[in-house]
Protein backbone atom coordinates (compact mmCIF):
# COMPACT_ATOMS: atom_id res chain seq x y z
CA MET A 1 135.94 172.88 208.34
CA LYS A 2 134.10 172.55 205.02
CA SER A 3 136.17 169.50 204.06
CA LEU A 4 135.43 167.88 207.42
CA LEU A 5 131.69 168.46 207.02
CA ILE A 6 131.79 166.86 203.59
CA ALA A 7 133.60 163.84 205.01
CA LEU A 8 131.16 163.53 207.88
CA ALA A 9 128.31 163.45 205.40
CA PHE A 10 129.70 160.13 204.14
CA ALA A 11 130.66 158.76 207.56
CA TRP A 12 128.75 156.41 209.81
CA SER A 13 129.39 155.58 213.44
CA LEU A 14 130.47 152.08 214.41
CA THR A 15 128.74 152.14 217.77
CA ALA A 16 128.68 148.36 218.25
CA ALA A 17 132.38 148.06 219.04
CA THR A 18 132.85 147.34 222.73
CA LEU A 19 135.79 146.21 224.81
CA ASP A 20 135.38 144.66 228.27
CA GLY A 21 131.97 146.33 228.47
CA VAL A 22 133.38 149.75 227.50
CA GLN A 23 131.90 151.32 224.36
CA ILE A 24 134.50 152.43 221.84
CA HIS A 25 133.42 155.37 219.69
CA SER A 26 134.57 155.10 216.10
CA SER A 27 133.70 156.30 212.63
CA SER A 28 134.11 154.87 209.14
CA THR A 29 134.45 157.03 206.04
CA GLY A 30 134.93 155.98 202.43
CA LYS A 31 134.60 152.60 200.79
CA GLY A 32 136.75 149.86 199.38
CA HIS A 33 138.67 146.83 200.60
CA ARG A 34 141.78 148.80 201.59
CA THR A 35 141.45 150.15 205.11
CA VAL A 36 143.50 152.73 207.00
CA ILE A 37 143.10 153.16 210.77
CA LEU A 38 144.03 156.53 212.26
CA VAL A 39 144.96 156.54 215.96
CA HIS A 40 145.19 159.78 217.94
CA GLY A 41 147.61 160.74 220.69
CA TRP A 42 147.57 161.59 224.39
CA THR A 43 144.36 163.32 225.54
CA CYS A 44 143.27 163.78 221.92
CA ASP A 45 140.38 162.26 219.96
CA GLU A 46 139.42 161.27 216.41
CA THR A 47 139.01 164.92 215.32
CA THR A 48 142.82 165.05 215.29
CA TRP A 49 142.50 163.75 211.72
CA SER A 50 140.04 166.34 210.37
CA GLU A 51 142.41 167.28 207.52
CA GLN A 52 143.20 163.68 206.57
CA VAL A 53 139.84 161.88 206.52
CA PRO A 54 138.31 163.81 203.57
CA VAL A 55 141.41 163.22 201.44
CA LEU A 56 142.13 159.60 202.36
CA SER A 57 138.51 158.51 202.08
CA LYS A 58 138.49 159.26 198.36
CA LYS A 59 140.64 156.15 197.84
CA TYR A 60 140.46 154.16 201.08
CA ARG A 61 138.10 153.18 203.82
CA VAL A 62 139.21 155.23 206.82
CA LEU A 63 138.52 154.18 210.40
CA THR A 64 139.01 156.64 213.25
CA LEU A 65 138.34 156.04 216.93
CA ASP A 66 138.51 157.56 220.37
CA LEU A 67 140.75 155.44 222.57
CA PRO A 68 139.34 154.37 225.96
CA GLY A 69 139.19 157.33 228.33
CA HIS A 70 139.28 159.79 225.43
CA GLY A 71 136.68 161.67 223.42
CA LYS A 72 133.32 159.91 223.22
CA SER A 73 134.59 156.50 224.26
CA GLY A 74 133.97 155.06 227.68
CA ALA A 75 136.61 154.45 230.32
CA PRO A 76 137.35 151.36 232.42
CA ALA A 77 135.58 151.34 235.78
CA ASP A 78 138.92 151.19 237.60
CA GLY A 79 140.28 154.15 235.62
CA LYS A 80 143.36 152.21 234.51
CA LEU A 81 144.67 152.58 230.97
CA SER A 82 147.40 150.64 229.18
CA MET A 83 148.90 150.11 225.75
CA ASP A 84 147.33 146.65 225.72
CA LEU A 85 143.90 148.19 226.35
CA PHE A 86 144.41 150.79 223.63
CA ALA A 87 145.64 148.19 221.12
CA ARG A 88 142.68 145.92 221.93
CA ALA A 89 140.33 148.88 221.36
CA VAL A 90 141.84 149.33 217.89
CA GLU A 91 141.33 145.60 217.27
CA ALA A 92 137.68 145.82 218.36
CA VAL A 93 137.12 148.56 215.79
CA ARG A 94 138.97 146.64 213.06
CA ALA A 95 137.02 143.48 213.77
CA GLU A 96 133.69 145.32 213.81
CA ALA A 97 134.53 146.82 210.41
CA LYS A 98 135.47 143.34 209.12
CA ALA A 99 138.74 144.65 207.70
CA ASP A 100 141.59 142.20 207.21
CA ARG A 101 145.09 143.62 206.76
CA VAL A 102 145.24 147.34 207.45
CA VAL A 103 147.66 150.24 207.56
CA LEU A 104 147.74 151.89 210.97
CA VAL A 105 148.70 155.54 211.46
CA GLY A 106 149.53 156.71 214.98
CA HIS A 107 150.21 160.25 216.16
CA SER A 108 152.30 160.88 219.28
CA MET A 109 151.10 158.36 221.91
CA GLY A 110 149.29 156.69 219.01
CA THR A 111 152.66 155.44 217.78
CA PRO A 112 153.32 153.12 220.75
CA VAL A 113 149.64 152.14 220.50
CA ILE A 114 150.02 150.89 216.93
CA VAL A 115 153.38 149.29 217.76
CA GLN A 116 151.65 147.35 220.52
CA TYR A 117 148.90 146.46 218.08
CA ALA A 118 151.55 145.08 215.71
CA ARG A 119 152.88 142.91 218.54
CA LEU A 120 149.46 141.53 219.42
CA TYR A 121 147.91 141.25 215.95
CA PRO A 122 150.71 141.02 213.36
CA GLN A 123 148.47 139.11 210.95
CA HIS A 124 146.35 142.23 210.46
CA VAL A 125 149.21 144.71 209.90
CA ALA A 126 150.28 145.65 206.38
CA ALA A 127 152.28 148.73 207.36
CA LEU A 128 152.67 151.35 210.09
CA VAL A 129 152.93 155.14 209.96
CA PHE A 130 154.49 157.08 212.85
CA VAL A 131 153.42 160.73 213.09
CA ASP A 132 155.87 162.57 215.35
CA GLY A 133 155.55 159.49 217.50
CA LEU A 134 157.41 158.12 220.48
CA VAL A 135 159.55 155.09 219.56
CA THR A 136 161.92 154.94 222.53
CA MET A 137 162.05 156.45 226.00
CA ASN A 138 165.57 157.70 225.33
CA ILE A 139 164.51 161.24 224.39
CA GLY A 140 167.41 163.64 224.24
CA GLY A 141 169.12 161.73 227.01
CA GLY A 142 166.03 161.96 229.23
CA ARG A 143 163.23 159.56 230.11
CA GLY A 144 160.16 161.58 229.19
CA PRO A 145 157.91 163.85 231.24
CA ASP A 146 157.09 163.38 234.92
CA PRO A 147 153.46 162.18 235.08
CA SER A 148 152.97 163.61 238.56
CA GLN A 149 152.98 167.13 237.15
CA PHE A 150 149.58 166.45 235.56
CA SER A 151 147.81 165.87 238.88
CA GLY A 152 147.11 168.13 241.81
CA PRO A 153 146.19 171.83 241.80
CA ASP A 154 148.65 172.68 239.02
CA GLY A 155 147.80 169.70 236.82
CA ARG A 156 145.67 171.55 234.28
CA LYS A 157 148.09 174.48 234.10
CA ASN A 158 151.01 172.11 233.46
CA ARG A 159 149.03 170.27 230.80
CA GLU A 160 148.28 173.52 229.00
CA ALA A 161 151.93 174.57 229.13
CA MET A 162 152.98 171.24 227.64
CA ILE A 163 150.37 171.49 224.90
CA ARG A 164 151.40 175.01 223.96
CA GLY A 165 154.94 173.72 223.59
CA MET A 166 153.69 171.49 220.76
CA PHE A 167 152.78 174.46 218.56
CA SER A 168 154.89 175.95 215.79
CA ALA A 169 154.71 179.12 213.75
CA SER A 170 152.53 177.12 211.34
CA THR A 171 149.92 176.26 213.99
CA THR A 172 147.10 178.66 213.17
CA PRO A 173 145.14 180.35 215.97
CA ALA A 174 142.14 178.21 215.01
CA ASN A 175 144.19 175.02 215.29
CA GLN A 176 145.71 176.17 218.57
CA THR A 177 142.21 176.59 219.99
CA LYS A 178 141.10 173.24 218.57
CA ILE A 179 144.09 171.40 220.03
CA LEU A 180 143.83 173.06 223.44
CA ASP A 181 140.09 172.38 223.70
CA MET A 182 140.59 168.76 222.64
CA MET A 183 143.57 167.97 224.85
CA LEU A 184 142.22 169.68 227.96
CA ALA A 185 138.83 167.96 227.70
CA PRO A 186 139.69 164.70 229.53
CA PRO A 187 139.81 164.95 233.33
CA ASP A 188 143.17 165.08 235.08
CA SER A 189 142.73 161.46 236.18
CA MET A 190 142.50 160.25 232.58
CA ALA A 191 145.40 162.43 231.45
CA LEU A 192 147.53 160.97 234.23
CA ALA A 193 146.41 157.41 233.48
CA ALA A 194 147.18 157.79 229.77
CA MET A 195 150.60 159.25 230.49
CA ASN A 196 151.40 156.42 232.89
CA ALA A 197 150.26 153.94 230.25
CA THR A 198 152.62 155.52 227.72
CA LEU A 199 155.63 155.58 230.03
CA ASP A 200 155.15 152.05 231.38
CA PRO A 201 158.52 150.27 230.97
CA ALA A 202 156.66 147.14 229.82
CA ASN A 203 155.99 148.91 226.50
CA TRP A 204 159.60 149.47 225.61
CA LYS A 205 160.88 146.04 224.65
CA GLY A 206 163.47 147.04 222.06
CA ASP A 207 162.10 144.50 219.57
CA VAL A 208 162.47 144.70 215.80
CA PHE A 209 159.61 145.28 213.33
CA THR A 210 160.21 144.40 209.69
CA MET A 211 156.97 145.60 208.06
CA PRO A 212 157.06 148.80 205.95
CA ILE A 213 157.06 151.89 208.17
CA LEU A 214 156.73 155.55 207.31
CA GLY A 215 157.83 158.22 209.78
CA ILE A 216 156.49 161.75 209.31
CA TYR A 217 157.96 164.03 211.96
CA ALA A 218 158.08 167.67 212.95
CA GLU A 219 161.07 169.72 211.93
CA LYS A 220 164.02 168.86 214.21
CA SER A 221 161.76 166.63 216.27
CA ALA A 222 163.18 165.44 219.56
CA LEU A 223 161.23 162.21 219.01
CA GLY A 224 162.91 161.30 215.72
CA ASN A 225 165.62 159.01 217.11
CA GLN A 226 167.26 157.92 213.89
CA ALA A 227 169.77 155.53 215.45
CA TYR A 228 167.00 153.64 217.23
CA MET A 229 164.74 153.59 214.18
CA LYS A 230 167.48 152.27 211.92
CA GLU A 231 168.13 149.35 214.26
CA HIS A 232 164.55 148.49 215.24
CA PHE A 233 162.57 149.51 212.15
CA PRO A 234 164.87 148.52 209.28
CA ASN A 235 162.23 148.80 206.54
CA ARG A 236 161.36 152.42 207.21
CA GLU A 237 161.49 155.77 205.49
CA TYR A 238 161.67 159.01 207.41
CA HIS A 239 160.61 162.56 206.63
CA GLU A 240 160.60 165.81 208.57
CA VAL A 241 158.16 168.47 207.40
CA ALA A 242 159.80 171.90 207.58
CA GLY A 243 158.15 174.51 209.75
CA THR A 244 155.93 172.12 211.68
CA GLY A 245 155.39 171.33 215.34
CA HIS A 246 154.05 168.20 217.01
CA PHE A 247 150.75 168.31 215.09
CA VAL A 248 152.40 167.91 211.70
CA MET A 249 149.16 166.81 210.03
CA LEU A 250 147.37 170.00 211.09
CA ASP A 251 150.26 172.42 210.62
CA LYS A 252 150.90 171.45 206.99
CA PRO A 253 148.17 169.04 205.90
CA GLY A 254 148.96 169.32 202.19
CA GLU A 255 152.55 168.12 202.58
CA PHE A 256 151.59 165.54 205.17
CA ASN A 257 148.80 164.07 203.05
CA ALA A 258 151.04 163.87 199.97
CA LEU A 259 153.65 161.86 201.90
CA LEU A 260 151.04 159.55 203.38
CA LEU A 261 149.20 158.95 200.10
CA ALA A 262 152.44 158.17 198.26
CA PHE A 263 153.34 155.61 200.93
CA LEU A 264 149.87 154.02 200.93
CA LYS A 265 149.96 153.67 197.16
CA ARG A 266 153.06 151.48 197.44
CA GLN A 267 151.57 149.09 200.01
CA LYS A 268 149.73 145.84 199.36
CA PHE A 269 146.71 145.56 201.60
């Protein structure tokens, strides 16, 4: 908490970023011409990165945002979310910050968000970082969760059960509370819309990305499909952090930050 408060003391809100009339909440911390954009996952918000911003901002300008329908950002009037909308929200924040080529870091659903960003705006992408992120819908032979379970009278209960399944022995009680409060904050309608956006078959094109990519995954992660990554992300390195669950960056921030900083140091942006 102390490190986050220190970082916030040097942060300023980029409130001018809007997308289709929807305000996108974002923050900028640190200085310099090298910019890193951190993108949260499903039903999360920018506070996902509380253990990364203070460290990264010592060397880089760090942009965080709440995706549409999440956190302090607005939502479309029709309630519909998509990977295109999320990627365009990231672009609105990048453009407002007047950054050029950036490194994008995406956790969980944030991974397909930054992949979509790389499709739409390749000229602004120096490298990508996947944090226990979804890269293919072929997950352990299945096709992902059933979105319908997150609506109706049992929607919130099912969401909580899914969230608790993301914890590991390294997820402290304080972080468990933080994650639960954060992920249960959006209404069921937004949770369902974001899940449908993630699972939309239009996202999963099977294309190849040749920019440098770092994968930091939970121990024995079901999302770390090595065969797919080798074929579709040939210029990638992959690490699993022992003893971590889905929120790798909160479970073991020291190890996570060391891997990320080492990767950033090697990039030209």
